[in-house]
Amino acid sequence: MKDDSLGSIKLDTRSVNPGQWQHYRLQLEEGQGGELEFDVFLKPAARSWLVLKQPCG
């Protein structure tokens, strides 16, 4: 038995705000017009969180 792909999406994780839920509804690539609707919660590792909270520059 072979599973057929319905399509794929790309999500730049740098655009996801850490520590809060975000809702997405994205068009599937090569998905014949299909969409994927989902929620994301990004919880970085403790060390990464400290780096993210520091100002750049």
N, C-alpha and C. Protein backbone atom coordinates (compact mmCIF):
# COMPACT_ATOMS: atom_id res chain seq x y z
N MET A 1 0.85 -1.17 0.00
CA MET A 1 0.00 0.00 0.00
C MET A 1 0.90 1.24 0.00
N LYS A 2 0.59 2.20 -0.83
CA LYS A 2 1.37 3.44 -0.92
C LYS A 2 0.50 4.62 -0.53
N ASP A 3 1.05 5.50 0.31
CA ASP A 3 0.35 6.73 0.68
C ASP A 3 0.63 7.80 -0.36
N ASP A 4 -0.41 8.43 -0.85
CA ASP A 4 -0.26 9.51 -1.81
C ASP A 4 -0.27 10.84 -1.07
N SER A 5 0.64 11.73 -1.45
CA SER A 5 0.72 13.04 -0.82
C SER A 5 -0.43 13.92 -1.28
N LEU A 6 -0.99 14.68 -0.35
CA LEU A 6 -2.03 15.64 -0.68
C LEU A 6 -1.44 17.00 -1.00
N GLY A 7 -0.12 17.15 -0.78
CA GLY A 7 0.57 18.41 -0.99
C GLY A 7 1.47 18.68 0.20
N SER A 8 2.10 19.84 0.20
CA SER A 8 2.99 20.21 1.30
C SER A 8 2.89 21.71 1.54
N ILE A 9 3.41 22.12 2.68
CA ILE A 9 3.48 23.54 3.02
C ILE A 9 4.89 23.86 3.48
N LYS A 10 5.22 25.13 3.46
CA LYS A 10 6.47 25.61 4.04
C LYS A 10 6.12 26.71 5.01
N LEU A 11 6.67 26.62 6.21
CA LEU A 11 6.45 27.62 7.23
C LEU A 11 7.80 28.03 7.79
N ASP A 12 8.14 29.30 7.63
CA ASP A 12 9.39 29.82 8.17
C ASP A 12 9.22 29.96 9.68
N THR A 13 9.89 29.12 10.44
CA THR A 13 9.72 29.12 11.89
C THR A 13 10.18 30.42 12.53
N ARG A 14 10.97 31.21 11.82
CA ARG A 14 11.37 32.52 12.35
C ARG A 14 10.19 33.48 12.40
N SER A 15 9.12 33.18 11.66
CA SER A 15 7.94 34.05 11.67
C SER A 15 6.96 33.69 12.79
N VAL A 16 7.22 32.58 13.50
CA VAL A 16 6.36 32.14 14.59
C VAL A 16 6.81 32.80 15.88
N ASN A 17 5.91 33.51 16.55
CA ASN A 17 6.22 34.16 17.82
C ASN A 17 6.31 33.11 18.93
N PRO A 18 7.46 33.01 19.60
CA PRO A 18 7.59 32.01 20.66
C PRO A 18 6.70 32.33 21.86
N GLY A 19 6.19 31.27 22.47
CA GLY A 19 5.42 31.42 23.70
C GLY A 19 3.96 31.79 23.52
N GLN A 20 3.45 31.74 22.30
CA GLN A 20 2.03 32.01 22.09
C GLN A 20 1.50 31.20 20.92
N TRP A 21 0.23 30.85 21.02
CA TRP A 21 -0.42 30.09 19.95
C TRP A 21 -0.64 30.98 18.73
N GLN A 22 -0.42 30.42 17.56
CA GLN A 22 -0.71 31.11 16.32
C GLN A 22 -1.49 30.18 15.41
N HIS A 23 -2.45 30.75 14.72
CA HIS A 23 -3.31 29.98 13.82
C HIS A 23 -2.89 30.24 12.38
N TYR A 24 -2.81 29.19 11.58
CA TYR A 24 -2.43 29.30 10.18
C TYR A 24 -3.45 28.59 9.30
N ARG A 25 -3.62 29.14 8.13
CA ARG A 25 -4.41 28.49 7.08
C ARG A 25 -3.64 28.73 5.79
N LEU A 26 -2.94 27.70 5.33
CA LEU A 26 -2.03 27.84 4.21
C LEU A 26 -2.44 26.98 3.03
N GLN A 27 -2.21 27.49 1.85
CA GLN A 27 -2.47 26.76 0.61
C GLN A 27 -1.42 25.67 0.44
N LEU A 28 -1.86 24.47 0.12
CA LEU A 28 -0.93 23.37 -0.12
C LEU A 28 -0.21 23.57 -1.45
N GLU A 29 1.09 23.36 -1.45
CA GLU A 29 1.86 23.39 -2.69
C GLU A 29 1.61 22.07 -3.41
N GLU A 30 1.32 22.15 -4.67
CA GLU A 30 1.00 20.97 -5.48
C GLU A 30 -0.16 20.19 -4.88
N GLY A 31 -1.10 20.91 -4.28
CA GLY A 31 -2.20 20.25 -3.59
C GLY A 31 -3.54 20.42 -4.28
N GLN A 32 -3.52 20.78 -5.56
CA GLN A 32 -4.75 20.92 -6.34
C GLN A 32 -5.77 21.80 -5.64
N GLY A 33 -5.30 22.91 -5.07
CA GLY A 33 -6.20 23.88 -4.44
C GLY A 33 -6.52 23.60 -2.98
N GLY A 34 -5.93 22.57 -2.41
CA GLY A 34 -6.21 22.23 -1.02
C GLY A 34 -5.54 23.18 -0.04
N GLU A 35 -6.05 23.20 1.18
CA GLU A 35 -5.51 24.04 2.25
C GLU A 35 -5.25 23.19 3.49
N LEU A 36 -4.35 23.68 4.32
CA LEU A 36 -4.10 23.06 5.62
C LEU A 36 -4.29 24.12 6.68
N GLU A 37 -5.14 23.83 7.65
CA GLU A 37 -5.41 24.76 8.74
C GLU A 37 -4.91 24.11 10.03
N PHE A 38 -4.07 24.86 10.78
CA PHE A 38 -3.46 24.28 11.96
C PHE A 38 -3.03 25.38 12.93
N ASP A 39 -2.78 24.99 14.18
CA ASP A 39 -2.28 25.89 15.22
C ASP A 39 -0.87 25.47 15.60
N VAL A 40 -0.05 26.46 15.93
CA VAL A 40 1.35 26.21 16.30
C VAL A 40 1.66 26.93 17.61
N PHE A 41 2.37 26.23 18.50
CA PHE A 41 2.90 26.83 19.71
C PHE A 41 4.39 26.50 19.73
N LEU A 42 5.23 27.51 19.65
CA LEU A 42 6.67 27.32 19.64
C LEU A 42 7.22 27.55 21.04
N LYS A 43 7.81 26.50 21.61
CA LYS A 43 8.43 26.60 22.93
C LYS A 43 9.90 26.23 22.77
N PRO A 44 10.75 27.25 22.63
CA PRO A 44 12.18 26.97 22.46
C PRO A 44 12.80 26.37 23.73
N ALA A 45 13.92 25.71 23.55
CA ALA A 45 14.68 25.22 24.69
C ALA A 45 15.09 26.41 25.55
N ALA A 46 15.31 26.19 26.84
CA ALA A 46 15.61 27.29 27.77
C ALA A 46 16.77 28.15 27.30
N ARG A 47 17.83 27.56 26.82
CA ARG A 47 18.99 28.33 26.36
C ARG A 47 18.63 29.17 25.14
N SER A 48 17.90 28.60 24.20
CA SER A 48 17.47 29.34 23.02
C SER A 48 16.57 30.51 23.39
N TRP A 49 15.71 30.31 24.37
CA TRP A 49 14.78 31.35 24.81
C TRP A 49 15.54 32.59 25.29
N LEU A 50 16.64 32.37 26.03
CA LEU A 50 17.45 33.49 26.51
C LEU A 50 18.06 34.26 25.34
N VAL A 51 18.51 33.57 24.33
CA VAL A 51 19.09 34.22 23.16
C VAL A 51 18.02 35.01 22.42
N LEU A 52 16.82 34.46 22.29
CA LEU A 52 15.74 35.13 21.58
C LEU A 52 15.31 36.41 22.29
N LYS A 53 15.37 36.43 23.62
CA LYS A 53 14.90 37.59 24.39
C LYS A 53 15.91 38.73 24.40
N GLN A 54 17.17 38.46 24.05
CA GLN A 54 18.19 39.50 24.06
C GLN A 54 18.05 40.36 22.81
N PRO A 55 18.18 41.68 22.93
CA PRO A 55 18.10 42.56 21.77
C PRO A 55 19.28 42.33 20.83
N CYS A 56 19.02 42.47 19.54
CA CYS A 56 20.08 42.34 18.54
C CYS A 56 20.85 43.66 18.44
N GLY A 57 22.13 43.54 18.12
CA GLY A 57 22.89 44.76 17.88
C GLY A 57 23.95 44.91 18.82
